[in-house]
Amino acid sequence: MPDTDENRAKIAQFVAQEIELDGKIPHARAAAVELLIEEAGRRARAVDDMDDALTLRLRDLGGVVRMAGDLAVMDGSEYIETKHMEVAIRKAVSIEDQILRRYKSYEKALEKDLSSSQRMSHQSYNSENIDRSYM
């Protein structure tokens, strides 16, 4: 979505809703919410390939909020501070991004993580030597 003041307010509202829904994490300071909004812009550029936009990958952003809240609770903090949000932004990475960071592509991930029996099964399906006499 476009990076406008109205849409930034919607992201802030989303943060408040996530905190309220969780029920166990503290409220966030405005500076921490601003960090998340900046991250939404960064993700829009990096993941969604959109300039001057905010990502709508709300499940991912919600995960960052919950992690920041958990960090604040563990820290004994009354609020989610910028330090909690900064750590959560670095640590809360979607499984897709984890795969890309670790393997550089989904294909390389499959090559490395398939068991030998899965590879043999996969190769037999792709083999040119399949008996087609039944066709």
N, C-alpha and C. Protein backbone atom coordinates (compact mmCIF):
# COMPACT_ATOMS: atom_id res chain seq x y z
N MET A 1 0.85 -1.17 0.00
CA MET A 1 0.00 0.00 0.00
C MET A 1 0.89 1.24 0.00
N PRO A 2 0.42 2.32 -0.52
CA PRO A 2 1.24 3.54 -0.59
C PRO A 2 1.67 4.03 0.79
N ASP A 3 2.86 4.57 0.88
CA ASP A 3 3.39 5.09 2.13
C ASP A 3 2.84 6.50 2.34
N THR A 4 1.69 6.57 2.99
CA THR A 4 1.05 7.85 3.30
C THR A 4 0.86 7.95 4.81
N ASP A 5 0.58 9.16 5.28
CA ASP A 5 0.33 9.34 6.72
C ASP A 5 -0.85 8.48 7.17
N GLU A 6 -1.87 8.41 6.35
CA GLU A 6 -3.06 7.60 6.69
C GLU A 6 -2.70 6.12 6.81
N ASN A 7 -1.90 5.61 5.88
CA ASN A 7 -1.52 4.20 5.93
C ASN A 7 -0.52 3.90 7.05
N ARG A 8 0.31 4.88 7.39
CA ARG A 8 1.19 4.72 8.55
C ARG A 8 0.35 4.63 9.83
N ALA A 9 -0.71 5.41 9.90
CA ALA A 9 -1.62 5.34 11.05
C ALA A 9 -2.31 3.97 11.10
N LYS A 10 -2.59 3.40 9.94
CA LYS A 10 -3.21 2.06 9.91
C LYS A 10 -2.25 1.00 10.43
N ILE A 11 -0.97 1.13 10.11
CA ILE A 11 0.03 0.19 10.64
C ILE A 11 0.11 0.35 12.16
N ALA A 12 0.09 1.59 12.65
CA ALA A 12 0.11 1.83 14.10
C ALA A 12 -1.13 1.22 14.76
N GLN A 13 -2.28 1.35 14.11
CA GLN A 13 -3.51 0.75 14.62
C GLN A 13 -3.38 -0.78 14.64
N PHE A 14 -2.78 -1.33 13.60
CA PHE A 14 -2.55 -2.76 13.54
C PHE A 14 -1.69 -3.23 14.72
N VAL A 15 -0.65 -2.47 15.03
CA VAL A 15 0.22 -2.81 16.17
C VAL A 15 -0.60 -2.84 17.46
N ALA A 16 -1.42 -1.83 17.66
CA ALA A 16 -2.26 -1.77 18.86
C ALA A 16 -3.21 -2.96 18.92
N GLN A 17 -3.78 -3.34 17.78
CA GLN A 17 -4.69 -4.49 17.74
C GLN A 17 -3.96 -5.79 18.06
N GLU A 18 -2.76 -5.96 17.53
CA GLU A 18 -1.98 -7.17 17.80
C GLU A 18 -1.65 -7.28 19.29
N ILE A 19 -1.29 -6.16 19.89
CA ILE A 19 -0.97 -6.14 21.32
C ILE A 19 -2.21 -6.48 22.13
N GLU A 20 -3.32 -5.88 21.75
CA GLU A 20 -4.58 -6.13 22.47
C GLU A 20 -5.02 -7.58 22.32
N LEU A 21 -4.90 -8.13 21.12
CA LEU A 21 -5.28 -9.52 20.88
C LEU A 21 -4.40 -10.48 21.67
N ASP A 22 -3.11 -10.20 21.76
CA ASP A 22 -2.20 -11.07 22.49
C ASP A 22 -2.55 -11.09 23.97
N GLY A 23 -2.77 -9.91 24.52
CA GLY A 23 -3.20 -9.80 25.91
C GLY A 23 -2.11 -9.98 26.95
N LYS A 24 -0.92 -10.38 26.54
CA LYS A 24 0.14 -10.64 27.51
C LYS A 24 1.35 -9.72 27.35
N ILE A 25 1.39 -9.00 26.25
CA ILE A 25 2.56 -8.16 26.01
C ILE A 25 2.20 -6.70 26.27
N PRO A 26 3.20 -5.91 26.63
CA PRO A 26 2.93 -4.50 26.95
C PRO A 26 2.71 -3.66 25.70
N HIS A 27 2.16 -2.50 25.92
CA HIS A 27 1.97 -1.56 24.83
C HIS A 27 3.32 -1.05 24.33
N ALA A 28 3.31 -0.50 23.13
CA ALA A 28 4.56 -0.05 22.51
C ALA A 28 4.68 1.47 22.56
N ARG A 29 5.86 1.92 22.74
CA ARG A 29 6.14 3.35 22.64
C ARG A 29 6.05 3.76 21.18
N ALA A 30 5.76 5.03 20.95
CA ALA A 30 5.59 5.54 19.58
C ALA A 30 6.85 5.33 18.75
N ALA A 31 8.02 5.50 19.35
CA ALA A 31 9.27 5.32 18.61
C ALA A 31 9.45 3.87 18.15
N ALA A 32 8.98 2.91 18.95
CA ALA A 32 9.07 1.50 18.56
C ALA A 32 8.11 1.21 17.40
N VAL A 33 6.93 1.82 17.44
CA VAL A 33 5.97 1.65 16.34
C VAL A 33 6.54 2.27 15.07
N GLU A 34 7.19 3.41 15.20
CA GLU A 34 7.80 4.07 14.03
C GLU A 34 8.87 3.17 13.41
N LEU A 35 9.63 2.47 14.24
CA LEU A 35 10.62 1.53 13.71
C LEU A 35 9.95 0.43 12.89
N LEU A 36 8.82 -0.07 13.37
CA LEU A 36 8.10 -1.11 12.64
C LEU A 36 7.55 -0.56 11.32
N ILE A 37 7.09 0.67 11.33
CA ILE A 37 6.60 1.29 10.09
C ILE A 37 7.75 1.44 9.09
N GLU A 38 8.91 1.84 9.57
CA GLU A 38 10.08 1.92 8.69
C GLU A 38 10.43 0.54 8.12
N GLU A 39 10.30 -0.49 8.96
CA GLU A 39 10.56 -1.87 8.51
C GLU A 39 9.53 -2.29 7.46
N ALA A 40 8.28 -1.86 7.62
CA ALA A 40 7.25 -2.17 6.62
C ALA A 40 7.62 -1.54 5.28
N GLY A 41 8.22 -0.36 5.31
CA GLY A 41 8.69 0.26 4.07
C GLY A 41 9.87 -0.47 3.46
N ARG A 42 10.80 -0.89 4.33
CA ARG A 42 11.96 -1.64 3.85
C ARG A 42 11.53 -2.96 3.22
N ARG A 43 10.59 -3.64 3.86
CA ARG A 43 10.11 -4.92 3.32
C ARG A 43 9.34 -4.72 2.02
N ALA A 44 8.64 -3.62 1.90
CA ALA A 44 7.94 -3.35 0.64
C ALA A 44 8.94 -3.20 -0.50
N ARG A 45 10.06 -2.55 -0.22
CA ARG A 45 11.09 -2.39 -1.26
C ARG A 45 11.81 -3.72 -1.53
N ALA A 46 12.21 -4.42 -0.47
CA ALA A 46 13.04 -5.62 -0.62
C ALA A 46 12.24 -6.84 -1.08
N VAL A 47 11.09 -7.05 -0.49
CA VAL A 47 10.32 -8.28 -0.75
C VAL A 47 9.28 -8.07 -1.84
N ASP A 48 8.59 -6.94 -1.77
CA ASP A 48 7.49 -6.70 -2.71
C ASP A 48 7.90 -5.88 -3.92
N ASP A 49 9.17 -5.43 -3.93
CA ASP A 49 9.72 -4.65 -5.04
C ASP A 49 8.88 -3.41 -5.35
N MET A 50 8.51 -2.69 -4.29
CA MET A 50 7.70 -1.48 -4.44
C MET A 50 8.38 -0.33 -3.71
N ASP A 51 8.54 0.78 -4.40
CA ASP A 51 9.11 1.97 -3.78
C ASP A 51 7.99 2.82 -3.20
N ASP A 52 8.31 3.60 -2.19
CA ASP A 52 7.36 4.51 -1.55
C ASP A 52 6.07 3.78 -1.17
N ALA A 53 6.25 2.62 -0.52
CA ALA A 53 5.11 1.79 -0.13
C ALA A 53 5.38 1.15 1.23
N LEU A 54 4.34 0.59 1.80
CA LEU A 54 4.43 -0.18 3.04
C LEU A 54 3.91 -1.58 2.73
N THR A 55 4.59 -2.59 3.24
CA THR A 55 4.15 -3.95 2.96
C THR A 55 2.83 -4.25 3.65
N LEU A 56 2.08 -5.13 3.04
CA LEU A 56 0.85 -5.61 3.65
C LEU A 56 1.01 -7.04 4.15
N ARG A 57 2.22 -7.47 4.34
CA ARG A 57 2.49 -8.80 4.90
C ARG A 57 2.31 -8.69 6.42
N LEU A 58 1.06 -8.61 6.80
CA LEU A 58 0.73 -8.33 8.19
C LEU A 58 1.04 -9.49 9.13
N ARG A 59 1.00 -10.71 8.63
CA ARG A 59 1.37 -11.85 9.47
C ARG A 59 2.83 -11.71 9.92
N ASP A 60 3.69 -11.31 8.98
CA ASP A 60 5.11 -11.12 9.31
C ASP A 60 5.29 -9.97 10.30
N LEU A 61 4.61 -8.86 10.05
CA LEU A 61 4.72 -7.71 10.95
C LEU A 61 4.17 -8.04 12.34
N GLY A 62 3.09 -8.80 12.38
CA GLY A 62 2.52 -9.22 13.66
C GLY A 62 3.50 -10.08 14.44
N GLY A 63 4.24 -10.92 13.74
CA GLY A 63 5.26 -11.74 14.39
C GLY A 63 6.36 -10.88 15.01
N VAL A 64 6.72 -9.82 14.32
CA VAL A 64 7.72 -8.90 14.86
C VAL A 64 7.19 -8.23 16.12
N VAL A 65 5.94 -7.80 16.08
CA VAL A 65 5.33 -7.14 17.26
C VAL A 65 5.30 -8.09 18.44
N ARG A 66 4.87 -9.34 18.21
CA ARG A 66 4.79 -10.30 19.31
C ARG A 66 6.17 -10.63 19.87
N MET A 67 7.16 -10.75 18.99
CA MET A 67 8.52 -11.02 19.47
C MET A 67 9.03 -9.83 20.28
N ALA A 68 8.81 -8.62 19.80
CA ALA A 68 9.24 -7.43 20.54
C ALA A 68 8.54 -7.38 21.90
N GLY A 69 7.27 -7.75 21.92
CA GLY A 69 6.54 -7.78 23.19
C GLY A 69 7.10 -8.82 24.15
N ASP A 70 7.42 -9.98 23.62
CA ASP A 70 8.02 -11.02 24.46
C ASP A 70 9.37 -10.57 25.01
N LEU A 71 10.15 -9.89 24.19
CA LEU A 71 11.44 -9.37 24.64
C LEU A 71 11.24 -8.34 25.75
N ALA A 72 10.23 -7.50 25.61
CA ALA A 72 9.94 -6.50 26.63
C ALA A 72 9.54 -7.17 27.94
N VAL A 73 8.72 -8.21 27.84
CA VAL A 73 8.29 -8.93 29.05
C VAL A 73 9.50 -9.57 29.73
N MET A 74 10.36 -10.22 28.95
CA MET A 74 11.55 -10.86 29.52
C MET A 74 12.49 -9.83 30.14
N ASP A 75 12.46 -8.63 29.59
CA ASP A 75 13.31 -7.55 30.08
C ASP A 75 12.70 -6.85 31.31
N GLY A 76 11.45 -7.18 31.62
CA GLY A 76 10.76 -6.54 32.73
C GLY A 76 10.35 -5.12 32.42
N SER A 77 10.24 -4.80 31.13
CA SER A 77 9.92 -3.44 30.71
C SER A 77 8.41 -3.21 30.72
N GLU A 78 8.04 -1.99 31.04
CA GLU A 78 6.61 -1.63 31.06
C GLU A 78 6.07 -1.43 29.63
N TYR A 79 6.96 -1.12 28.69
CA TYR A 79 6.57 -0.86 27.31
C TYR A 79 7.51 -1.59 26.34
N ILE A 80 7.05 -1.79 25.13
CA ILE A 80 7.94 -2.23 24.05
C ILE A 80 8.74 -1.00 23.66
N GLU A 81 10.04 -1.08 23.86
CA GLU A 81 10.94 0.03 23.56
C GLU A 81 11.58 -0.19 22.19
N THR A 82 12.28 0.83 21.71
CA THR A 82 12.95 0.70 20.42
C THR A 82 13.96 -0.44 20.43
N LYS A 83 14.66 -0.65 21.55
CA LYS A 83 15.65 -1.74 21.61
C LYS A 83 14.99 -3.10 21.40
N HIS A 84 13.77 -3.28 21.91
CA HIS A 84 13.06 -4.54 21.72
C HIS A 84 12.64 -4.71 20.26
N MET A 85 12.16 -3.62 19.68
CA MET A 85 11.71 -3.67 18.29
C MET A 85 12.90 -3.92 17.35
N GLU A 86 14.03 -3.29 17.63
CA GLU A 86 15.21 -3.49 16.79
C GLU A 86 15.65 -4.95 16.77
N VAL A 87 15.68 -5.58 17.93
CA VAL A 87 16.07 -6.99 18.01
C VAL A 87 15.04 -7.86 17.30
N ALA A 88 13.77 -7.58 17.53
CA ALA A 88 12.71 -8.37 16.90
C ALA A 88 12.76 -8.26 15.38
N ILE A 89 13.03 -7.08 14.87
CA ILE A 89 13.12 -6.89 13.41
C ILE A 89 14.25 -7.73 12.85
N ARG A 90 15.37 -7.78 13.56
CA ARG A 90 16.50 -8.59 13.09
C ARG A 90 16.23 -10.08 13.20
N LYS A 91 15.53 -10.50 14.25
CA LYS A 91 15.38 -11.93 14.55
C LYS A 91 14.12 -12.56 13.94
N ALA A 92 13.05 -11.80 13.81
CA ALA A 92 11.79 -12.36 13.31
C ALA A 92 11.80 -12.37 11.79
N VAL A 93 12.19 -13.51 11.24
CA VAL A 93 12.34 -13.64 9.79
C VAL A 93 11.43 -14.75 9.32
N SER A 94 10.66 -14.51 8.26
CA SER A 94 9.76 -15.53 7.74
C SER A 94 10.54 -16.75 7.27
N ILE A 95 9.87 -17.88 7.21
CA ILE A 95 10.53 -19.11 6.79
C ILE A 95 11.07 -18.98 5.37
N GLU A 96 10.36 -18.27 4.51
CA GLU A 96 10.82 -18.07 3.14
C GLU A 96 12.14 -17.31 3.12
N ASP A 97 12.22 -16.26 3.94
CA ASP A 97 13.46 -15.47 4.01
C ASP A 97 14.60 -16.27 4.64
N GLN A 98 14.27 -17.12 5.62
CA GLN A 98 15.29 -17.96 6.22
C GLN A 98 15.89 -18.92 5.18
N ILE A 99 15.03 -19.50 4.35
CA ILE A 99 15.50 -20.41 3.30
C ILE A 99 16.40 -19.66 2.32
N LEU A 100 15.95 -18.49 1.89
CA LEU A 100 16.75 -17.72 0.93
C LEU A 100 18.08 -17.29 1.53
N ARG A 101 18.09 -16.89 2.79
CA ARG A 101 19.35 -16.49 3.43
C ARG A 101 20.31 -17.67 3.55
N ARG A 102 19.77 -18.82 3.89
CA ARG A 102 20.62 -19.98 4.13
C ARG A 102 21.10 -20.65 2.85
N TYR A 103 20.21 -20.77 1.86
CA TYR A 103 20.53 -21.54 0.67
C TYR A 103 20.64 -20.71 -0.60
N LYS A 104 20.20 -19.48 -0.58
CA LYS A 104 20.23 -18.56 -1.73
C LYS A 104 19.13 -18.82 -2.75
N SER A 105 18.51 -20.01 -2.74
CA SER A 105 17.36 -20.29 -3.62
C SER A 105 16.59 -21.48 -3.07
N TYR A 106 15.34 -21.60 -3.47
CA TYR A 106 14.52 -22.73 -3.03
C TYR A 106 15.05 -24.03 -3.63
N GLU A 107 15.55 -23.96 -4.86
CA GLU A 107 16.06 -25.16 -5.53
C GLU A 107 17.26 -25.72 -4.77
N LYS A 108 18.17 -24.83 -4.35
CA LYS A 108 19.34 -25.29 -3.59
C LYS A 108 18.92 -25.86 -2.25
N ALA A 109 17.89 -25.31 -1.65
CA ALA A 109 17.39 -25.83 -0.38
C ALA A 109 16.87 -27.26 -0.57
N LEU A 110 16.14 -27.48 -1.64
CA LEU A 110 15.63 -28.82 -1.90
C LEU A 110 16.76 -29.81 -2.15
N GLU A 111 17.76 -29.38 -2.90
CA GLU A 111 18.90 -30.25 -3.18
C GLU A 111 19.59 -30.69 -1.89
N LYS A 112 19.74 -29.77 -0.94
CA LYS A 112 20.48 -30.08 0.28
C LYS A 112 19.65 -30.80 1.31
N ASP A 113 18.35 -30.57 1.32
CA ASP A 113 17.53 -31.11 2.40
C ASP A 113 16.73 -32.35 2.03
N LEU A 114 16.76 -32.77 0.78
CA LEU A 114 16.10 -34.01 0.43
C LEU A 114 16.91 -35.18 0.95
N SER A 115 16.22 -36.15 1.54
CA SER A 115 16.93 -37.35 1.98
C SER A 115 17.34 -38.16 0.75
N SER A 116 18.25 -39.10 0.94
CA SER A 116 18.71 -39.90 -0.20
C SER A 116 17.57 -40.69 -0.81
N SER A 117 16.65 -41.21 -0.01
CA SER A 117 15.52 -41.94 -0.57
C SER A 117 14.58 -41.02 -1.34
N GLN A 118 14.42 -39.78 -0.86
CA GLN A 118 13.59 -38.82 -1.59
C GLN A 118 14.25 -38.48 -2.92
N ARG A 119 15.58 -38.33 -2.92
CA ARG A 119 16.29 -38.03 -4.16
C ARG A 119 16.12 -39.17 -5.16
N MET A 120 16.26 -40.40 -4.69
CA MET A 120 16.11 -41.56 -5.58
C MET A 120 14.69 -41.60 -6.15
N SER A 121 13.71 -41.35 -5.30
CA SER A 121 12.32 -41.34 -5.75
C SER A 121 12.10 -40.23 -6.75
N HIS A 122 12.65 -39.04 -6.45
CA HIS A 122 12.52 -37.89 -7.35
C HIS A 122 13.19 -38.17 -8.69
N GLN A 123 14.37 -38.79 -8.66
CA GLN A 123 15.08 -39.10 -9.89
C GLN A 123 14.34 -40.13 -10.71
N SER A 124 13.74 -41.10 -10.06
CA SER A 124 13.05 -42.13 -10.84
C SER A 124 11.85 -41.56 -11.57
N TYR A 125 11.19 -40.58 -10.99
CA TYR A 125 10.06 -39.95 -11.67
C TYR A 125 10.52 -39.10 -12.85
N ASN A 126 11.70 -38.58 -12.77
CA ASN A 126 12.21 -37.72 -13.83
C ASN A 126 13.09 -38.48 -14.82
N SER A 127 13.27 -39.73 -14.60
CA SER A 127 14.18 -40.53 -15.42
C SER A 127 13.62 -40.75 -16.82
N GLU A 128 14.51 -40.81 -17.76
CA GLU A 128 14.13 -41.12 -19.14
C GLU A 128 13.89 -42.61 -19.31
N ASN A 129 14.30 -43.41 -18.34
CA ASN A 129 14.23 -44.86 -18.46
C ASN A 129 12.94 -45.45 -17.89
N ILE A 130 11.91 -44.64 -17.77
CA ILE A 130 10.65 -45.13 -17.22
C ILE A 130 10.01 -46.05 -18.26
N ASP A 131 9.51 -47.18 -17.79
CA ASP A 131 8.84 -48.15 -18.66
C ASP A 131 7.51 -47.55 -19.11
N ARG A 132 7.40 -47.28 -20.39
CA ARG A 132 6.18 -46.68 -20.94
C ARG A 132 5.41 -47.68 -21.81
N SER A 133 5.69 -48.95 -21.63
CA SER A 133 5.04 -49.97 -22.46
C SER A 133 3.55 -50.05 -22.20
N TYR A 134 3.13 -49.59 -21.03
CA TYR A 134 1.71 -49.64 -20.70
C TYR A 134 0.92 -48.56 -21.39
N MET A 135 1.60 -47.61 -22.00
CA MET A 135 0.92 -46.46 -22.62
C MET A 135 0.32 -46.80 -23.95
